[in-house]
Amino acid sequence: MQMTLQELVLEQRTGMEQVSTFAGLDVLIAAHGAGVTNIIFMLPNSALYELFPQQWKFACYRRLAGNVGVLYAKDMAEGEVGPQCRKSFRSQACQYAGIRDRDFTMKEEVVVQRVKSVIELVFKEKYHVSA
């Protein structure tokens, strides 16, 4: 088994480069964001592992993954939300500046374990072999 880790800034890639890159992925590990829509170019039984900021509840890419046959896993960061959430968690300021648009940190052991399980699932479902 050979693994390659790539860090991509999608805005620095042409559309064709993005399509080619995503078509060649077995596992995408990504923070929740618009670039995740590129999973539509991934082959069936590839996987998306989505990282959520703390308290983020919108799972639109889970539904998209299901629609295009991409396996899905997620984990949520722990920590404090921003001061914008003091008045109401439902306010637009809280949802964006207080939660979505903040830096967040994932627990290393959680990510490592989840990545291992996602890789095993891809090997089983996509390649029909045990990892």
N, C-alpha and C. Protein backbone atom coordinates (compact mmCIF):
# COMPACT_ATOMS: atom_id res chain seq x y z
N MET A 1 0.84 -1.17 0.00
CA MET A 1 0.00 0.00 0.00
C MET A 1 0.89 1.24 0.00
N GLN A 2 0.62 2.15 -0.90
CA GLN A 2 1.38 3.39 -0.99
C GLN A 2 0.43 4.55 -0.76
N MET A 3 0.87 5.48 0.10
CA MET A 3 0.05 6.66 0.36
C MET A 3 0.86 7.91 0.07
N THR A 4 0.18 8.89 -0.47
CA THR A 4 0.77 10.19 -0.72
C THR A 4 -0.13 11.24 -0.11
N LEU A 5 0.45 12.14 0.61
CA LEU A 5 -0.30 13.23 1.21
C LEU A 5 -0.03 14.49 0.42
N GLN A 6 -1.10 15.16 -0.02
CA GLN A 6 -0.97 16.41 -0.77
C GLN A 6 -1.77 17.48 -0.06
N GLU A 7 -1.20 18.65 0.04
CA GLU A 7 -1.94 19.81 0.52
C GLU A 7 -2.20 20.68 -0.69
N LEU A 8 -3.47 20.99 -0.95
CA LEU A 8 -3.83 21.75 -2.14
C LEU A 8 -4.52 23.05 -1.78
N VAL A 9 -4.22 24.07 -2.53
CA VAL A 9 -4.97 25.32 -2.50
C VAL A 9 -5.71 25.36 -3.83
N LEU A 10 -6.99 25.07 -3.78
CA LEU A 10 -7.75 24.89 -5.01
C LEU A 10 -7.76 26.13 -5.89
N GLU A 11 -7.73 27.29 -5.28
CA GLU A 11 -7.74 28.53 -6.05
C GLU A 11 -6.50 28.68 -6.92
N GLN A 12 -5.46 27.90 -6.63
CA GLN A 12 -4.23 27.96 -7.42
C GLN A 12 -4.21 26.92 -8.53
N ARG A 13 -5.29 26.17 -8.68
CA ARG A 13 -5.39 25.12 -9.69
C ARG A 13 -6.43 25.49 -10.74
N THR A 14 -6.18 25.09 -11.97
CA THR A 14 -7.19 25.28 -13.01
C THR A 14 -8.34 24.30 -12.76
N GLY A 15 -9.44 24.52 -13.44
CA GLY A 15 -10.57 23.61 -13.33
C GLY A 15 -10.20 22.19 -13.71
N MET A 16 -9.48 22.03 -14.81
CA MET A 16 -9.07 20.69 -15.26
C MET A 16 -8.12 20.04 -14.27
N GLU A 17 -7.24 20.81 -13.68
CA GLU A 17 -6.34 20.26 -12.66
C GLU A 17 -7.13 19.78 -11.44
N GLN A 18 -8.15 20.52 -11.07
CA GLN A 18 -8.98 20.10 -9.95
C GLN A 18 -9.74 18.82 -10.26
N VAL A 19 -10.32 18.74 -11.45
CA VAL A 19 -11.04 17.53 -11.84
C VAL A 19 -10.10 16.33 -11.83
N SER A 20 -8.94 16.47 -12.43
CA SER A 20 -7.96 15.39 -12.49
C SER A 20 -7.51 14.96 -11.09
N THR A 21 -7.26 15.93 -10.24
CA THR A 21 -6.81 15.62 -8.88
C THR A 21 -7.87 14.85 -8.12
N PHE A 22 -9.09 15.33 -8.13
CA PHE A 22 -10.15 14.67 -7.37
C PHE A 22 -10.50 13.30 -7.94
N ALA A 23 -10.42 13.15 -9.26
CA ALA A 23 -10.70 11.85 -9.87
C ALA A 23 -9.68 10.81 -9.45
N GLY A 24 -8.48 11.24 -9.08
CA GLY A 24 -7.43 10.31 -8.68
C GLY A 24 -7.34 10.04 -7.19
N LEU A 25 -8.20 10.66 -6.40
CA LEU A 25 -8.14 10.48 -4.95
C LEU A 25 -8.88 9.24 -4.49
N ASP A 26 -8.31 8.58 -3.50
CA ASP A 26 -9.04 7.54 -2.78
C ASP A 26 -9.69 8.13 -1.54
N VAL A 27 -8.98 9.02 -0.85
CA VAL A 27 -9.49 9.64 0.38
C VAL A 27 -9.21 11.13 0.34
N LEU A 28 -10.23 11.91 0.58
CA LEU A 28 -10.09 13.35 0.73
C LEU A 28 -10.33 13.70 2.19
N ILE A 29 -9.35 14.36 2.80
CA ILE A 29 -9.49 14.87 4.15
C ILE A 29 -9.59 16.38 4.00
N ALA A 30 -10.72 16.95 4.42
CA ALA A 30 -10.94 18.37 4.15
C ALA A 30 -11.75 19.02 5.26
N ALA A 31 -11.40 20.27 5.54
CA ALA A 31 -12.23 21.09 6.40
C ALA A 31 -13.50 21.44 5.62
N HIS A 32 -14.60 21.54 6.33
CA HIS A 32 -15.87 21.91 5.71
C HIS A 32 -15.69 23.20 4.92
N GLY A 33 -16.08 23.18 3.65
CA GLY A 33 -15.98 24.37 2.82
C GLY A 33 -16.36 24.06 1.39
N ALA A 34 -16.51 25.10 0.61
CA ALA A 34 -17.02 24.97 -0.75
C ALA A 34 -16.16 24.07 -1.64
N GLY A 35 -14.87 23.99 -1.41
CA GLY A 35 -14.00 23.14 -2.22
C GLY A 35 -14.37 21.67 -2.17
N VAL A 36 -15.10 21.28 -1.12
CA VAL A 36 -15.51 19.88 -0.97
C VAL A 36 -16.49 19.48 -2.09
N THR A 37 -17.12 20.44 -2.73
CA THR A 37 -18.03 20.09 -3.82
C THR A 37 -17.33 19.32 -4.93
N ASN A 38 -16.01 19.41 -5.00
CA ASN A 38 -15.25 18.67 -6.01
C ASN A 38 -15.33 17.16 -5.83
N ILE A 39 -15.96 16.68 -4.75
CA ILE A 39 -16.12 15.23 -4.61
C ILE A 39 -16.96 14.65 -5.73
N ILE A 40 -17.68 15.49 -6.46
CA ILE A 40 -18.46 14.97 -7.58
C ILE A 40 -17.56 14.35 -8.65
N PHE A 41 -16.26 14.64 -8.62
CA PHE A 41 -15.33 14.07 -9.58
C PHE A 41 -14.63 12.81 -9.06
N MET A 42 -14.87 12.46 -7.80
CA MET A 42 -14.24 11.27 -7.23
C MET A 42 -14.96 10.01 -7.71
N LEU A 43 -14.22 8.92 -7.81
CA LEU A 43 -14.80 7.64 -8.21
C LEU A 43 -15.66 7.08 -7.08
N PRO A 44 -16.69 6.30 -7.42
CA PRO A 44 -17.50 5.68 -6.38
C PRO A 44 -16.63 4.86 -5.42
N ASN A 45 -17.03 4.86 -4.17
CA ASN A 45 -16.36 4.17 -3.08
C ASN A 45 -15.00 4.76 -2.73
N SER A 46 -14.71 5.96 -3.24
CA SER A 46 -13.65 6.77 -2.66
C SER A 46 -14.28 7.38 -1.41
N ALA A 47 -13.52 8.13 -0.61
CA ALA A 47 -14.09 8.61 0.65
C ALA A 47 -13.74 10.07 0.93
N LEU A 48 -14.70 10.73 1.57
CA LEU A 48 -14.51 12.06 2.10
C LEU A 48 -14.50 11.95 3.62
N TYR A 49 -13.46 12.49 4.25
CA TYR A 49 -13.40 12.63 5.70
C TYR A 49 -13.45 14.13 5.96
N GLU A 50 -14.58 14.59 6.46
CA GLU A 50 -14.82 16.02 6.63
C GLU A 50 -14.58 16.45 8.07
N LEU A 51 -13.86 17.55 8.22
CA LEU A 51 -13.55 18.10 9.53
C LEU A 51 -14.43 19.34 9.75
N PHE A 52 -15.16 19.32 10.84
CA PHE A 52 -16.09 20.41 11.16
C PHE A 52 -15.53 21.29 12.27
N PRO A 53 -15.77 22.61 12.16
CA PRO A 53 -15.48 23.46 13.32
C PRO A 53 -16.43 23.10 14.46
N GLN A 54 -16.06 23.47 15.66
CA GLN A 54 -16.90 23.16 16.82
C GLN A 54 -18.30 23.72 16.61
N GLN A 55 -19.29 22.94 16.98
CA GLN A 55 -20.70 23.31 16.92
C GLN A 55 -21.29 23.48 15.52
N TRP A 56 -20.56 23.15 14.46
CA TRP A 56 -21.10 23.32 13.11
C TRP A 56 -22.05 22.17 12.82
N LYS A 57 -23.23 22.47 12.29
CA LYS A 57 -24.28 21.46 12.14
C LYS A 57 -24.69 21.17 10.70
N PHE A 58 -24.19 21.90 9.73
CA PHE A 58 -24.68 21.76 8.36
C PHE A 58 -23.93 20.64 7.63
N ALA A 59 -24.63 19.61 7.25
CA ALA A 59 -24.01 18.41 6.67
C ALA A 59 -24.31 18.28 5.19
N CYS A 60 -24.24 19.36 4.46
CA CYS A 60 -24.60 19.33 3.03
C CYS A 60 -23.68 18.41 2.23
N TYR A 61 -22.40 18.30 2.60
CA TYR A 61 -21.48 17.47 1.82
C TYR A 61 -21.67 15.98 2.12
N ARG A 62 -22.24 15.67 3.26
CA ARG A 62 -22.60 14.27 3.53
C ARG A 62 -23.66 13.83 2.54
N ARG A 63 -24.65 14.68 2.33
CA ARG A 63 -25.71 14.35 1.37
C ARG A 63 -25.15 14.26 -0.05
N LEU A 64 -24.28 15.18 -0.40
CA LEU A 64 -23.67 15.15 -1.73
C LEU A 64 -22.85 13.87 -1.91
N ALA A 65 -22.08 13.50 -0.89
CA ALA A 65 -21.30 12.27 -0.97
C ALA A 65 -22.20 11.07 -1.23
N GLY A 66 -23.30 10.99 -0.51
CA GLY A 66 -24.24 9.90 -0.71
C GLY A 66 -24.81 9.89 -2.12
N ASN A 67 -25.07 11.06 -2.66
CA ASN A 67 -25.64 11.15 -4.00
C ASN A 67 -24.66 10.72 -5.09
N VAL A 68 -23.36 10.89 -4.87
CA VAL A 68 -22.37 10.55 -5.90
C VAL A 68 -21.60 9.27 -5.59
N GLY A 69 -22.02 8.55 -4.54
CA GLY A 69 -21.41 7.26 -4.23
C GLY A 69 -20.06 7.34 -3.53
N VAL A 70 -19.81 8.47 -2.87
CA VAL A 70 -18.56 8.63 -2.12
C VAL A 70 -18.83 8.29 -0.65
N LEU A 71 -17.98 7.47 -0.06
CA LEU A 71 -18.10 7.11 1.34
C LEU A 71 -17.85 8.36 2.19
N TYR A 72 -18.40 8.39 3.41
CA TYR A 72 -18.34 9.62 4.19
C TYR A 72 -18.06 9.34 5.65
N ALA A 73 -17.20 10.18 6.22
CA ALA A 73 -16.96 10.18 7.67
C ALA A 73 -16.72 11.62 8.08
N LYS A 74 -16.99 11.92 9.34
CA LYS A 74 -16.75 13.29 9.82
C LYS A 74 -16.36 13.26 11.28
N ASP A 75 -15.70 14.31 11.70
CA ASP A 75 -15.44 14.56 13.11
C ASP A 75 -15.53 16.06 13.32
N MET A 76 -15.84 16.43 14.57
CA MET A 76 -16.01 17.83 14.91
C MET A 76 -14.93 18.24 15.89
N ALA A 77 -14.40 19.44 15.68
CA ALA A 77 -13.42 20.00 16.60
C ALA A 77 -14.08 20.29 17.94
N GLU A 78 -13.27 20.32 18.96
CA GLU A 78 -13.75 20.74 20.27
C GLU A 78 -13.24 22.14 20.53
N GLY A 79 -13.88 22.82 21.43
CA GLY A 79 -13.39 24.14 21.78
C GLY A 79 -14.50 25.17 21.88
N GLU A 80 -14.08 26.38 22.05
CA GLU A 80 -14.98 27.50 22.24
C GLU A 80 -15.45 28.07 20.92
N VAL A 81 -16.67 28.52 20.90
CA VAL A 81 -17.17 29.30 19.77
C VAL A 81 -16.83 30.76 20.05
N GLY A 82 -16.99 31.59 19.05
CA GLY A 82 -16.64 33.00 19.18
C GLY A 82 -17.62 33.80 20.02
N PRO A 83 -17.22 35.01 20.37
CA PRO A 83 -18.08 35.89 21.17
C PRO A 83 -19.37 36.27 20.45
N GLN A 84 -19.41 36.09 19.14
CA GLN A 84 -20.62 36.39 18.37
C GLN A 84 -21.79 35.50 18.78
N CYS A 85 -21.50 34.39 19.48
CA CYS A 85 -22.53 33.43 19.85
C CYS A 85 -23.10 33.68 21.24
N ARG A 86 -22.64 34.72 21.92
CA ARG A 86 -23.11 34.97 23.29
C ARG A 86 -24.60 35.26 23.34
N LYS A 87 -25.11 36.00 22.36
CA LYS A 87 -26.54 36.35 22.36
C LYS A 87 -27.39 35.18 21.90
N SER A 88 -26.99 34.55 20.76
CA SER A 88 -27.81 33.47 20.20
C SER A 88 -26.98 32.59 19.28
N PHE A 89 -27.09 31.29 19.48
CA PHE A 89 -26.43 30.34 18.58
C PHE A 89 -27.06 30.37 17.20
N ARG A 90 -28.29 30.84 17.09
CA ARG A 90 -29.00 30.84 15.82
C ARG A 90 -28.75 32.08 14.97
N SER A 91 -28.05 33.05 15.52
CA SER A 91 -27.83 34.28 14.76
C SER A 91 -26.85 34.02 13.61
N GLN A 92 -26.99 34.82 12.58
CA GLN A 92 -26.08 34.70 11.44
C GLN A 92 -24.64 35.01 11.85
N ALA A 93 -24.46 35.99 12.71
CA ALA A 93 -23.11 36.34 13.17
C ALA A 93 -22.46 35.17 13.88
N CYS A 94 -23.22 34.47 14.70
CA CYS A 94 -22.69 33.30 15.40
C CYS A 94 -22.36 32.20 14.41
N GLN A 95 -23.28 31.88 13.52
CA GLN A 95 -23.08 30.77 12.59
C GLN A 95 -21.86 30.97 11.69
N TYR A 96 -21.59 32.19 11.31
CA TYR A 96 -20.46 32.46 10.41
C TYR A 96 -19.21 32.88 11.18
N ALA A 97 -19.20 34.07 11.73
CA ALA A 97 -17.99 34.57 12.40
C ALA A 97 -17.70 33.81 13.69
N GLY A 98 -18.74 33.34 14.37
CA GLY A 98 -18.55 32.67 15.65
C GLY A 98 -18.24 31.19 15.56
N ILE A 99 -18.58 30.57 14.45
CA ILE A 99 -18.35 29.13 14.30
C ILE A 99 -17.62 28.81 12.99
N ARG A 100 -18.26 29.04 11.87
CA ARG A 100 -17.74 28.58 10.58
C ARG A 100 -16.40 29.19 10.19
N ASP A 101 -16.26 30.48 10.34
CA ASP A 101 -15.09 31.17 9.82
C ASP A 101 -13.96 31.32 10.84
N ARG A 102 -13.93 30.48 11.83
CA ARG A 102 -12.88 30.52 12.85
C ARG A 102 -11.88 29.39 12.62
N ASP A 103 -10.65 29.61 13.01
CA ASP A 103 -9.68 28.52 12.99
C ASP A 103 -10.12 27.47 14.01
N PHE A 104 -9.80 26.22 13.73
CA PHE A 104 -10.11 25.18 14.70
C PHE A 104 -9.03 24.12 14.66
N THR A 105 -8.95 23.36 15.73
CA THR A 105 -7.94 22.33 15.88
C THR A 105 -8.62 21.00 16.17
N MET A 106 -8.12 19.96 15.51
CA MET A 106 -8.64 18.62 15.73
C MET A 106 -7.69 17.87 16.65
N LYS A 107 -8.22 16.93 17.42
CA LYS A 107 -7.37 16.07 18.24
C LYS A 107 -6.66 15.08 17.33
N GLU A 108 -5.35 15.02 17.44
CA GLU A 108 -4.55 14.18 16.55
C GLU A 108 -4.98 12.72 16.61
N GLU A 109 -5.21 12.19 17.80
CA GLU A 109 -5.56 10.77 17.91
C GLU A 109 -6.90 10.47 17.26
N VAL A 110 -7.82 11.41 17.29
CA VAL A 110 -9.12 11.22 16.65
C VAL A 110 -8.94 11.15 15.13
N VAL A 111 -8.16 12.08 14.58
CA VAL A 111 -7.95 12.13 13.14
C VAL A 111 -7.19 10.89 12.66
N VAL A 112 -6.14 10.51 13.37
CA VAL A 112 -5.36 9.34 12.96
C VAL A 112 -6.23 8.09 12.94
N GLN A 113 -7.02 7.88 13.98
CA GLN A 113 -7.87 6.69 14.04
C GLN A 113 -8.92 6.71 12.94
N ARG A 114 -9.52 7.87 12.70
CA ARG A 114 -10.55 7.96 11.67
C ARG A 114 -9.96 7.73 10.29
N VAL A 115 -8.79 8.31 10.02
CA VAL A 115 -8.15 8.11 8.71
C VAL A 115 -7.86 6.64 8.49
N LYS A 116 -7.37 5.94 9.50
CA LYS A 116 -7.12 4.50 9.37
C LYS A 116 -8.41 3.76 9.01
N SER A 117 -9.49 4.07 9.70
CA SER A 117 -10.74 3.35 9.43
C SER A 117 -11.29 3.69 8.06
N VAL A 118 -11.13 4.93 7.61
CA VAL A 118 -11.60 5.32 6.28
C VAL A 118 -10.79 4.62 5.20
N ILE A 119 -9.48 4.53 5.37
CA ILE A 119 -8.64 3.83 4.40
C ILE A 119 -9.05 2.36 4.31
N GLU A 120 -9.28 1.74 5.46
CA GLU A 120 -9.71 0.34 5.46
C GLU A 120 -11.04 0.18 4.73
N LEU A 121 -11.95 1.12 4.94
CA LEU A 121 -13.25 1.05 4.27
C LEU A 121 -13.10 1.20 2.76
N VAL A 122 -12.25 2.12 2.32
CA VAL A 122 -12.02 2.29 0.88
C VAL A 122 -11.43 1.03 0.28
N PHE A 123 -10.45 0.44 0.96
CA PHE A 123 -9.87 -0.80 0.44
C PHE A 123 -10.92 -1.88 0.32
N LYS A 124 -11.81 -1.98 1.31
CA LYS A 124 -12.85 -3.01 1.29
C LYS A 124 -13.88 -2.73 0.20
N GLU A 125 -14.40 -1.51 0.14
CA GLU A 125 -15.52 -1.20 -0.74
C GLU A 125 -15.10 -0.90 -2.18
N LYS A 126 -13.97 -0.26 -2.35
CA LYS A 126 -13.55 0.14 -3.69
C LYS A 126 -12.68 -0.91 -4.37
N TYR A 127 -11.79 -1.51 -3.57
CA TYR A 127 -10.83 -2.47 -4.15
C TYR A 127 -11.10 -3.91 -3.76
N HIS A 128 -12.05 -4.12 -2.84
CA HIS A 128 -12.45 -5.47 -2.42
C HIS A 128 -11.31 -6.27 -1.84
N VAL A 129 -10.46 -5.59 -1.06
CA VAL A 129 -9.36 -6.25 -0.35
C VAL A 129 -9.32 -5.75 1.08
N SER A 130 -8.73 -6.55 1.95
CA SER A 130 -8.54 -6.13 3.33
C SER A 130 -7.27 -5.29 3.42
N ALA A 131 -7.35 -4.22 4.15
CA ALA A 131 -6.17 -3.33 4.31
C ALA A 131 -5.15 -3.94 5.23
